[in-house]
Amino acid sequence: MVGFEQEKHLKPLIAAGLILLLLGIGWVYTGHQQRLERFERKIDSAQKELVQLKVSLKEYLELEAQMQKLKPQGGSAPKQNLISAVEAATEQVSARSQLIYVRPQPDKEREGLTEEGVEIKLEKLKLHQLVELLYQFDQSEQILKVSQLRVRTRFDNPEQLDTSIILNRFRENR
C-alpha cells in the first residue's frame, strides 16, 4: 500500500507542477507580447520620424537650390562694378543719352552683408524705356534691388518722364 499512497500524493503534485508550468509559460508569453507591442510602437514612431525627416530634407534641398540660384555666379565678387552695370543697362534700352548722373551711395553693413548703392537720374525717358530698364536690372546676373523709384511726368511733354532710382546690390563680407 505504500506505493499506492505515493501515487496518491504524486498526482496532485504533478498537476500542481503542470499548472505552475502553464502559468509560467502564460506569464512569459504575456511579457513577450507586451515587449513586441512596445517594439511595434517604437517602430511606428521611428517610421513617422523618418517620413518627417524625408520631408524636411526635401524642403532643405529645395531651399538650398533656391539659394544657389540667388548667389551670384563665380562667388561673392561682383563681375563688374555697379556703375558699369547701370551704364550697360541704359545702353541696352537706348537710354544712355538720357542718363544725367550716377552717384554712388555710402556702403551699409548689415548682418554679414555689404549693401552697395547708386542713385541714378534719367530725364526725358519714355515709359517703355523705363520698364525695359527695370527689367534689365531684374534680369541682371548680379542681384540688384531697386530700393527707391521716383517718377515724374515732364511739364513740357507729358509723354516723357524724369526718374530717379536708387539701386542696391548686396555682397557677402569675407
N, C-alpha and C. Protein backbone atom coordinates (compact mmCIF):
# COMPACT_ATOMS: atom_id res chain seq x y z
N MET A 1 0.76 -1.19 0.00
CA MET A 1 0.00 0.00 0.00
C MET A 1 0.81 1.27 0.00
N VAL A 2 2.00 1.11 0.38
CA VAL A 2 2.86 2.29 0.46
C VAL A 2 3.04 2.87 -0.94
N GLY A 3 3.20 2.05 -1.94
CA GLY A 3 3.35 2.53 -3.31
C GLY A 3 2.10 3.22 -3.79
N PHE A 4 0.96 2.75 -3.33
CA PHE A 4 -0.30 3.35 -3.73
C PHE A 4 -0.47 4.75 -3.15
N GLU A 5 -0.02 4.93 -1.90
CA GLU A 5 -0.13 6.23 -1.25
C GLU A 5 0.82 7.24 -1.90
N GLN A 6 1.98 6.79 -2.40
CA GLN A 6 2.90 7.71 -3.05
C GLN A 6 2.27 8.23 -4.34
N GLU A 7 1.58 7.34 -5.05
CA GLU A 7 0.93 7.76 -6.28
C GLU A 7 -0.20 8.71 -5.98
N LYS A 8 -0.82 8.53 -4.87
CA LYS A 8 -1.92 9.38 -4.47
C LYS A 8 -1.44 10.81 -4.23
N HIS A 9 -0.27 10.97 -3.66
CA HIS A 9 0.28 12.31 -3.43
C HIS A 9 1.02 12.84 -4.65
N LEU A 10 1.48 11.94 -5.50
CA LEU A 10 2.24 12.33 -6.66
C LEU A 10 1.37 12.99 -7.72
N LYS A 11 0.19 12.51 -7.89
CA LYS A 11 -0.70 13.07 -8.91
C LYS A 11 -1.04 14.53 -8.64
N PRO A 12 -1.43 14.91 -7.40
CA PRO A 12 -1.68 16.33 -7.16
C PRO A 12 -0.42 17.18 -7.34
N LEU A 13 0.75 16.63 -7.00
CA LEU A 13 2.00 17.39 -7.17
C LEU A 13 2.30 17.59 -8.66
N ILE A 14 2.07 16.55 -9.44
CA ILE A 14 2.30 16.67 -10.88
C ILE A 14 1.30 17.67 -11.47
N ALA A 15 0.04 17.58 -11.02
CA ALA A 15 -0.98 18.52 -11.51
C ALA A 15 -0.62 19.94 -11.11
N ALA A 16 -0.17 20.15 -9.87
CA ALA A 16 0.23 21.49 -9.41
C ALA A 16 1.44 21.97 -10.21
N GLY A 17 2.38 21.04 -10.47
CA GLY A 17 3.56 21.41 -11.27
C GLY A 17 3.17 21.81 -12.69
N LEU A 18 2.24 21.05 -13.28
CA LEU A 18 1.77 21.38 -14.62
C LEU A 18 1.06 22.72 -14.64
N ILE A 19 0.25 22.98 -13.62
CA ILE A 19 -0.45 24.27 -13.54
C ILE A 19 0.56 25.41 -13.39
N LEU A 20 1.56 25.21 -12.54
CA LEU A 20 2.60 26.24 -12.38
C LEU A 20 3.38 26.43 -13.69
N LEU A 21 3.65 25.31 -14.36
CA LEU A 21 4.36 25.40 -15.63
C LEU A 21 3.53 26.16 -16.66
N LEU A 22 2.24 25.87 -16.73
CA LEU A 22 1.36 26.58 -17.66
C LEU A 22 1.25 28.06 -17.29
N LEU A 23 1.15 28.37 -16.00
CA LEU A 23 1.11 29.77 -15.57
C LEU A 23 2.42 30.49 -15.92
N GLY A 24 3.54 29.81 -15.72
CA GLY A 24 4.84 30.39 -16.07
C GLY A 24 4.95 30.65 -17.56
N ILE A 25 4.51 29.68 -18.37
CA ILE A 25 4.53 29.86 -19.81
C ILE A 25 3.61 31.01 -20.21
N GLY A 26 2.43 31.09 -19.59
CA GLY A 26 1.49 32.19 -19.87
C GLY A 26 2.10 33.54 -19.50
N TRP A 27 2.79 33.57 -18.36
CA TRP A 27 3.41 34.82 -17.90
C TRP A 27 4.53 35.24 -18.87
N VAL A 28 5.36 34.28 -19.29
CA VAL A 28 6.44 34.57 -20.23
C VAL A 28 5.85 35.02 -21.57
N TYR A 29 4.80 34.34 -22.04
CA TYR A 29 4.16 34.69 -23.31
C TYR A 29 3.56 36.09 -23.26
N THR A 30 2.88 36.43 -22.15
CA THR A 30 2.29 37.77 -21.99
C THR A 30 3.39 38.83 -21.99
N GLY A 31 4.46 38.60 -21.27
CA GLY A 31 5.58 39.54 -21.24
C GLY A 31 6.19 39.72 -22.62
N HIS A 32 6.30 38.60 -23.33
CA HIS A 32 6.85 38.65 -24.69
C HIS A 32 5.92 39.46 -25.61
N GLN A 33 4.62 39.28 -25.50
CA GLN A 33 3.65 40.03 -26.31
C GLN A 33 3.73 41.52 -25.98
N GLN A 34 3.86 41.86 -24.71
CA GLN A 34 3.94 43.28 -24.32
C GLN A 34 5.21 43.92 -24.89
N ARG A 35 6.33 43.19 -24.85
CA ARG A 35 7.57 43.71 -25.43
C ARG A 35 7.43 43.88 -26.94
N LEU A 36 6.78 42.93 -27.60
CA LEU A 36 6.56 43.06 -29.04
C LEU A 36 5.70 44.29 -29.35
N GLU A 37 4.65 44.50 -28.56
CA GLU A 37 3.81 45.69 -28.78
C GLU A 37 4.61 46.97 -28.57
N ARG A 38 5.47 47.00 -27.54
CA ARG A 38 6.32 48.17 -27.29
C ARG A 38 7.27 48.42 -28.47
N PHE A 39 7.86 47.34 -28.98
CA PHE A 39 8.76 47.48 -30.13
C PHE A 39 8.00 47.95 -31.36
N GLU A 40 6.79 47.46 -31.56
CA GLU A 40 5.99 47.90 -32.71
C GLU A 40 5.66 49.37 -32.60
N ARG A 41 5.35 49.85 -31.38
CA ARG A 41 5.09 51.28 -31.20
C ARG A 41 6.35 52.09 -31.49
N LYS A 42 7.50 51.59 -31.03
CA LYS A 42 8.76 52.29 -31.31
C LYS A 42 9.04 52.30 -32.82
N ILE A 43 8.75 51.20 -33.49
CA ILE A 43 8.98 51.13 -34.93
C ILE A 43 8.06 52.11 -35.65
N ASP A 44 6.78 52.16 -35.25
CA ASP A 44 5.84 53.12 -35.86
C ASP A 44 6.32 54.55 -35.64
N SER A 45 6.75 54.84 -34.41
CA SER A 45 7.24 56.19 -34.11
C SER A 45 8.47 56.52 -34.94
N ALA A 46 9.39 55.56 -35.07
CA ALA A 46 10.60 55.79 -35.86
C ALA A 46 10.26 55.98 -37.34
N GLN A 47 9.27 55.23 -37.85
CA GLN A 47 8.88 55.39 -39.24
C GLN A 47 8.26 56.77 -39.48
N LYS A 48 7.46 57.25 -38.53
CA LYS A 48 6.88 58.58 -38.66
C LYS A 48 7.98 59.65 -38.65
N GLU A 49 8.96 59.48 -37.77
CA GLU A 49 10.07 60.43 -37.71
C GLU A 49 10.87 60.38 -39.02
N LEU A 50 11.02 59.20 -39.59
CA LEU A 50 11.74 59.06 -40.85
C LEU A 50 11.01 59.77 -41.98
N VAL A 51 9.69 59.66 -42.01
CA VAL A 51 8.90 60.36 -43.03
C VAL A 51 9.06 61.87 -42.85
N GLN A 52 9.00 62.35 -41.58
CA GLN A 52 9.19 63.78 -41.33
C GLN A 52 10.58 64.22 -41.74
N LEU A 53 11.57 63.38 -41.49
CA LEU A 53 12.94 63.72 -41.86
C LEU A 53 13.08 63.81 -43.38
N LYS A 54 12.43 62.90 -44.10
CA LYS A 54 12.48 62.95 -45.56
C LYS A 54 11.83 64.22 -46.09
N VAL A 55 10.69 64.61 -45.49
CA VAL A 55 10.01 65.85 -45.91
C VAL A 55 10.91 67.05 -45.62
N SER A 56 11.50 67.07 -44.44
CA SER A 56 12.39 68.18 -44.07
C SER A 56 13.61 68.23 -44.99
N LEU A 57 14.15 67.07 -45.32
CA LEU A 57 15.30 67.02 -46.22
C LEU A 57 14.94 67.54 -47.60
N LYS A 58 13.76 67.18 -48.08
CA LYS A 58 13.31 67.67 -49.39
C LYS A 58 13.16 69.19 -49.37
N GLU A 59 12.55 69.73 -48.30
CA GLU A 59 12.41 71.19 -48.18
C GLU A 59 13.78 71.85 -48.13
N TYR A 60 14.70 71.24 -47.36
CA TYR A 60 16.04 71.80 -47.25
C TYR A 60 16.73 71.84 -48.62
N LEU A 61 16.63 70.75 -49.37
CA LEU A 61 17.26 70.72 -50.69
C LEU A 61 16.65 71.73 -51.64
N GLU A 62 15.33 71.94 -51.56
CA GLU A 62 14.67 72.95 -52.39
C GLU A 62 15.17 74.34 -52.03
N LEU A 63 15.27 74.63 -50.72
CA LEU A 63 15.76 75.93 -50.29
C LEU A 63 17.23 76.12 -50.67
N GLU A 64 18.01 75.06 -50.56
CA GLU A 64 19.42 75.13 -50.94
C GLU A 64 19.54 75.45 -52.44
N ALA A 65 18.69 74.83 -53.26
CA ALA A 65 18.71 75.10 -54.70
C ALA A 65 18.32 76.55 -54.97
N GLN A 66 17.33 77.06 -54.24
CA GLN A 66 16.94 78.46 -54.41
C GLN A 66 18.07 79.39 -54.02
N MET A 67 18.77 79.07 -52.94
CA MET A 67 19.90 79.91 -52.52
C MET A 67 21.00 79.90 -53.57
N GLN A 68 21.25 78.74 -54.17
CA GLN A 68 22.28 78.66 -55.21
C GLN A 68 21.90 79.51 -56.41
N LYS A 69 20.60 79.56 -56.73
CA LYS A 69 20.15 80.41 -57.84
C LYS A 69 20.35 81.88 -57.51
N LEU A 70 20.15 82.23 -56.24
CA LEU A 70 20.26 83.64 -55.84
C LEU A 70 21.70 84.10 -55.70
N LYS A 71 22.61 83.18 -55.45
CA LYS A 71 24.01 83.57 -55.31
C LYS A 71 24.55 83.97 -56.67
N PRO A 72 25.34 85.02 -56.70
CA PRO A 72 25.93 85.42 -57.98
C PRO A 72 26.87 84.33 -58.49
N GLN A 73 26.93 84.18 -59.79
CA GLN A 73 27.80 83.18 -60.39
C GLN A 73 29.25 83.61 -60.16
N GLY A 74 30.10 82.65 -59.82
CA GLY A 74 31.52 82.96 -59.63
C GLY A 74 31.81 83.52 -58.25
N GLY A 75 31.04 83.18 -57.25
CA GLY A 75 31.32 83.59 -55.90
C GLY A 75 30.69 84.91 -55.56
N SER A 76 31.19 85.51 -54.47
CA SER A 76 30.57 86.74 -53.99
C SER A 76 31.19 87.99 -54.62
N ALA A 77 32.26 87.84 -55.37
CA ALA A 77 32.87 89.00 -56.01
C ALA A 77 32.07 89.38 -57.25
N PRO A 78 31.61 90.62 -57.34
CA PRO A 78 30.83 91.03 -58.50
C PRO A 78 31.69 91.05 -59.75
N LYS A 79 31.09 90.74 -60.90
CA LYS A 79 31.82 90.71 -62.16
C LYS A 79 32.15 92.12 -62.63
N GLN A 80 31.26 93.07 -62.38
CA GLN A 80 31.53 94.45 -62.77
C GLN A 80 31.00 95.34 -61.65
N ASN A 81 31.51 96.56 -61.62
CA ASN A 81 31.02 97.43 -60.57
C ASN A 81 29.62 97.92 -60.91
N LEU A 82 28.96 98.50 -59.93
CA LEU A 82 27.56 98.87 -60.05
C LEU A 82 27.35 99.97 -61.10
N ILE A 83 28.25 100.91 -61.18
CA ILE A 83 28.12 101.99 -62.16
C ILE A 83 28.21 101.43 -63.58
N SER A 84 29.12 100.50 -63.81
CA SER A 84 29.24 99.88 -65.14
C SER A 84 27.97 99.10 -65.48
N ALA A 85 27.39 98.45 -64.48
CA ALA A 85 26.15 97.69 -64.72
C ALA A 85 25.02 98.63 -65.12
N VAL A 86 24.95 99.79 -64.47
CA VAL A 86 23.91 100.77 -64.80
C VAL A 86 24.12 101.30 -66.21
N GLU A 87 25.35 101.64 -66.55
CA GLU A 87 25.62 102.16 -67.90
C GLU A 87 25.32 101.12 -68.97
N ALA A 88 25.65 99.87 -68.71
CA ALA A 88 25.36 98.81 -69.69
C ALA A 88 23.86 98.63 -69.86
N ALA A 89 23.12 98.69 -68.75
CA ALA A 89 21.65 98.52 -68.84
C ALA A 89 21.01 99.68 -69.59
N THR A 90 21.46 100.91 -69.34
CA THR A 90 20.89 102.05 -70.06
C THR A 90 21.25 101.99 -71.54
N GLU A 91 22.43 101.48 -71.85
CA GLU A 91 22.84 101.34 -73.25
C GLU A 91 21.94 100.33 -73.96
N GLN A 92 21.56 99.25 -73.27
CA GLN A 92 20.72 98.22 -73.89
C GLN A 92 19.31 98.70 -74.19
N VAL A 93 18.82 99.67 -73.42
CA VAL A 93 17.45 100.17 -73.65
C VAL A 93 17.47 101.50 -74.39
N SER A 94 18.61 101.84 -74.95
CA SER A 94 18.78 103.09 -75.73
C SER A 94 18.42 104.32 -74.91
N ALA A 95 18.87 104.34 -73.68
CA ALA A 95 18.60 105.47 -72.81
C ALA A 95 19.90 106.06 -72.26
N ARG A 96 21.02 105.72 -72.87
CA ARG A 96 22.32 106.21 -72.38
C ARG A 96 22.38 107.74 -72.45
N SER A 97 21.80 108.32 -73.47
CA SER A 97 21.85 109.78 -73.62
C SER A 97 20.96 110.48 -72.59
N GLN A 98 19.96 109.79 -72.05
CA GLN A 98 19.08 110.40 -71.05
C GLN A 98 19.62 110.25 -69.62
N LEU A 99 20.73 109.52 -69.47
CA LEU A 99 21.32 109.33 -68.16
C LEU A 99 22.04 110.61 -67.75
N ILE A 100 21.51 111.29 -66.73
CA ILE A 100 22.08 112.56 -66.29
C ILE A 100 23.25 112.32 -65.34
N TYR A 101 23.04 111.47 -64.32
CA TYR A 101 24.14 111.17 -63.41
C TYR A 101 23.92 109.82 -62.74
N VAL A 102 25.06 109.28 -62.25
CA VAL A 102 25.08 108.07 -61.43
C VAL A 102 25.94 108.41 -60.22
N ARG A 103 25.32 108.51 -59.06
CA ARG A 103 26.05 108.89 -57.84
C ARG A 103 26.15 107.68 -56.90
N PRO A 104 27.36 107.33 -56.51
CA PRO A 104 27.49 106.24 -55.54
C PRO A 104 26.91 106.65 -54.18
N GLN A 105 26.30 105.70 -53.52
CA GLN A 105 25.76 105.91 -52.18
C GLN A 105 26.74 105.26 -51.19
N PRO A 106 26.75 105.72 -49.94
CA PRO A 106 27.65 105.08 -48.96
C PRO A 106 27.25 103.61 -48.72
N ASP A 107 28.27 102.77 -48.57
CA ASP A 107 28.02 101.35 -48.30
C ASP A 107 27.45 101.19 -46.89
N LYS A 108 26.58 100.19 -46.73
CA LYS A 108 25.98 99.90 -45.42
C LYS A 108 26.27 98.45 -45.08
N GLU A 109 26.68 98.22 -43.84
CA GLU A 109 26.95 96.88 -43.34
C GLU A 109 25.72 96.37 -42.61
N ARG A 110 25.24 95.15 -43.01
CA ARG A 110 24.07 94.55 -42.36
C ARG A 110 24.25 93.05 -42.27
N GLU A 111 24.28 92.53 -41.09
CA GLU A 111 24.23 91.08 -40.84
C GLU A 111 25.14 90.28 -41.76
N GLY A 112 26.39 90.66 -41.85
CA GLY A 112 27.33 89.92 -42.69
C GLY A 112 27.28 90.26 -44.16
N LEU A 113 26.47 91.26 -44.53
CA LEU A 113 26.36 91.68 -45.92
C LEU A 113 26.74 93.14 -46.05
N THR A 114 27.28 93.49 -47.19
CA THR A 114 27.55 94.89 -47.50
C THR A 114 26.57 95.30 -48.59
N GLU A 115 25.89 96.39 -48.35
CA GLU A 115 24.93 96.92 -49.33
C GLU A 115 25.58 98.09 -50.04
N GLU A 116 25.82 97.92 -51.34
CA GLU A 116 26.36 98.99 -52.17
C GLU A 116 25.19 99.63 -52.90
N GLY A 117 25.27 100.93 -53.11
CA GLY A 117 24.16 101.58 -53.79
C GLY A 117 24.60 102.71 -54.69
N VAL A 118 23.76 103.01 -55.69
CA VAL A 118 23.96 104.16 -56.56
C VAL A 118 22.62 104.84 -56.77
N GLU A 119 22.67 106.15 -56.95
CA GLU A 119 21.48 106.91 -57.32
C GLU A 119 21.61 107.26 -58.80
N ILE A 120 20.56 107.00 -59.54
CA ILE A 120 20.56 107.22 -60.99
C ILE A 120 19.50 108.26 -61.31
N LYS A 121 19.83 109.22 -62.16
CA LYS A 121 18.85 110.19 -62.62
C LYS A 121 18.79 110.13 -64.13
N LEU A 122 17.57 109.96 -64.63
CA LEU A 122 17.32 109.92 -66.07
C LEU A 122 16.25 110.95 -66.39
N GLU A 123 16.42 111.66 -67.51
CA GLU A 123 15.43 112.65 -67.93
C GLU A 123 14.97 112.34 -69.35
N LYS A 124 13.75 112.79 -69.64
CA LYS A 124 13.13 112.65 -70.97
C LYS A 124 13.08 111.17 -71.40
N LEU A 125 12.72 110.34 -70.46
CA LEU A 125 12.63 108.90 -70.69
C LEU A 125 11.21 108.54 -71.07
N LYS A 126 11.05 107.62 -71.99
CA LYS A 126 9.71 107.13 -72.33
C LYS A 126 9.36 105.98 -71.40
N LEU A 127 8.08 105.74 -71.24
CA LEU A 127 7.61 104.71 -70.30
C LEU A 127 8.18 103.34 -70.66
N HIS A 128 8.17 102.96 -71.93
CA HIS A 128 8.67 101.64 -72.31
C HIS A 128 10.16 101.50 -72.01
N GLN A 129 10.91 102.61 -72.11
CA GLN A 129 12.34 102.56 -71.78
C GLN A 129 12.53 102.32 -70.28
N LEU A 130 11.71 102.97 -69.46
CA LEU A 130 11.80 102.78 -68.02
C LEU A 130 11.48 101.33 -67.65
N VAL A 131 10.43 100.80 -68.26
CA VAL A 131 10.05 99.41 -67.98
C VAL A 131 11.16 98.46 -68.40
N GLU A 132 11.73 98.68 -69.57
CA GLU A 132 12.82 97.83 -70.06
C GLU A 132 14.05 97.95 -69.16
N LEU A 133 14.33 99.17 -68.69
CA LEU A 133 15.47 99.36 -67.80
C LEU A 133 15.28 98.60 -66.49
N LEU A 134 14.10 98.70 -65.91
CA LEU A 134 13.82 97.96 -64.67
C LEU A 134 13.91 96.46 -64.92
N TYR A 135 13.45 96.01 -66.07
CA TYR A 135 13.56 94.60 -66.42
C TYR A 135 15.03 94.18 -66.55
N GLN A 136 15.86 95.05 -67.13
CA GLN A 136 17.30 94.77 -67.23
C GLN A 136 17.93 94.60 -65.85
N PHE A 137 17.55 95.48 -64.93
CA PHE A 137 18.07 95.36 -63.56
C PHE A 137 17.63 94.04 -62.93
N ASP A 138 16.38 93.67 -63.18
CA ASP A 138 15.84 92.44 -62.59
C ASP A 138 16.51 91.20 -63.17
N GLN A 139 16.85 91.22 -64.45
CA GLN A 139 17.43 90.06 -65.12
C GLN A 139 18.95 90.03 -65.07
N SER A 140 19.55 90.97 -64.40
CA SER A 140 21.00 91.06 -64.32
C SER A 140 21.57 89.84 -63.59
N GLU A 141 22.82 89.46 -63.94
CA GLU A 141 23.49 88.35 -63.25
C GLU A 141 23.70 88.70 -61.78
N GLN A 142 23.90 89.96 -61.51
CA GLN A 142 24.06 90.42 -60.14
C GLN A 142 22.67 90.56 -59.51
N ILE A 143 22.61 90.42 -58.22
CA ILE A 143 21.33 90.59 -57.54
C ILE A 143 21.18 92.08 -57.23
N LEU A 144 20.36 92.74 -58.04
CA LEU A 144 20.14 94.18 -57.90
C LEU A 144 18.74 94.42 -57.35
N LYS A 145 18.64 95.43 -56.50
CA LYS A 145 17.35 95.75 -55.88
C LYS A 145 17.09 97.24 -56.05
N VAL A 146 15.93 97.57 -56.58
CA VAL A 146 15.53 98.97 -56.67
C VAL A 146 14.90 99.32 -55.33
N SER A 147 15.59 100.13 -54.56
CA SER A 147 15.06 100.45 -53.23
C SER A 147 14.22 101.73 -53.25
N GLN A 148 14.43 102.55 -54.26
CA GLN A 148 13.64 103.77 -54.35
C GLN A 148 13.45 104.13 -55.82
N LEU A 149 12.23 104.52 -56.16
CA LEU A 149 11.92 104.88 -57.54
C LEU A 149 10.98 106.08 -57.51
N ARG A 150 11.44 107.17 -58.09
CA ARG A 150 10.59 108.37 -58.21
C ARG A 150 10.43 108.68 -59.68
N VAL A 151 9.18 108.80 -60.09
CA VAL A 151 8.88 109.07 -61.49
C VAL A 151 7.96 110.29 -61.55
N ARG A 152 8.33 111.24 -62.41
CA ARG A 152 7.50 112.44 -62.62
C ARG A 152 7.35 112.65 -64.11
N THR A 153 6.16 113.07 -64.50
CA THR A 153 5.97 113.43 -65.92
C THR A 153 6.56 114.82 -66.14
N ARG A 154 7.06 115.05 -67.31
CA ARG A 154 7.65 116.36 -67.61
C ARG A 154 6.54 117.36 -67.91
N PHE A 155 6.73 118.58 -67.47
CA PHE A 155 5.71 119.62 -67.70
C PHE A 155 5.67 120.02 -69.17
N ASP A 156 6.80 119.94 -69.88
CA ASP A 156 6.81 120.36 -71.29
C ASP A 156 6.35 119.25 -72.24
N ASN A 157 6.44 117.97 -71.82
CA ASN A 157 5.97 116.86 -72.65
C ASN A 157 5.49 115.73 -71.72
N PRO A 158 4.16 115.60 -71.54
CA PRO A 158 3.64 114.60 -70.60
C PRO A 158 3.93 113.14 -70.99
N GLU A 159 4.39 112.90 -72.21
CA GLU A 159 4.72 111.53 -72.63
C GLU A 159 6.12 111.13 -72.18
N GLN A 160 6.88 112.10 -71.68
CA GLN A 160 8.23 111.81 -71.22
C GLN A 160 8.27 111.86 -69.69
N LEU A 161 9.23 111.13 -69.15
CA LEU A 161 9.33 111.01 -67.69
C LEU A 161 10.72 111.43 -67.22
N ASP A 162 10.75 112.02 -66.04
CA ASP A 162 12.00 112.23 -65.32
C ASP A 162 11.97 111.23 -64.17
N THR A 163 13.05 110.50 -63.99
CA THR A 163 13.05 109.48 -62.94
C THR A 163 14.34 109.50 -62.15
N SER A 164 14.21 109.12 -60.91
CA SER A 164 15.35 108.98 -60.03
C SER A 164 15.23 107.59 -59.37
N ILE A 165 16.29 106.82 -59.46
CA ILE A 165 16.28 105.44 -58.96
C ILE A 165 17.46 105.26 -58.01
N ILE A 166 17.20 104.64 -56.88
CA ILE A 166 18.30 104.20 -56.01
C ILE A 166 18.37 102.68 -56.16
N LEU A 167 19.51 102.21 -56.64
CA LEU A 167 19.72 100.80 -56.94
C LEU A 167 20.76 100.25 -55.97
N ASN A 168 20.48 99.07 -55.40
CA ASN A 168 21.39 98.48 -54.44
C ASN A 168 21.79 97.07 -54.88
N ARG A 169 22.96 96.69 -54.38
CA ARG A 169 23.47 95.33 -54.61
C ARG A 169 24.05 94.87 -53.28
N PHE A 170 23.88 93.59 -53.00
CA PHE A 170 24.39 93.01 -51.76
C PHE A 170 25.52 92.05 -52.07
N ARG A 171 26.52 92.05 -51.19
CA ARG A 171 27.60 91.07 -51.29
C ARG A 171 28.01 90.63 -49.90
N GLU A 172 28.51 89.41 -49.81
CA GLU A 172 28.89 88.86 -48.51
C GLU A 172 30.19 89.48 -48.04
N ASN A 173 30.29 89.71 -46.74
CA ASN A 173 31.55 90.16 -46.15
C ASN A 173 32.41 88.94 -45.89
N ARG A 174 33.66 89.03 -46.26
CA ARG A 174 34.58 87.90 -46.01
C ARG A 174 35.83 88.38 -45.38
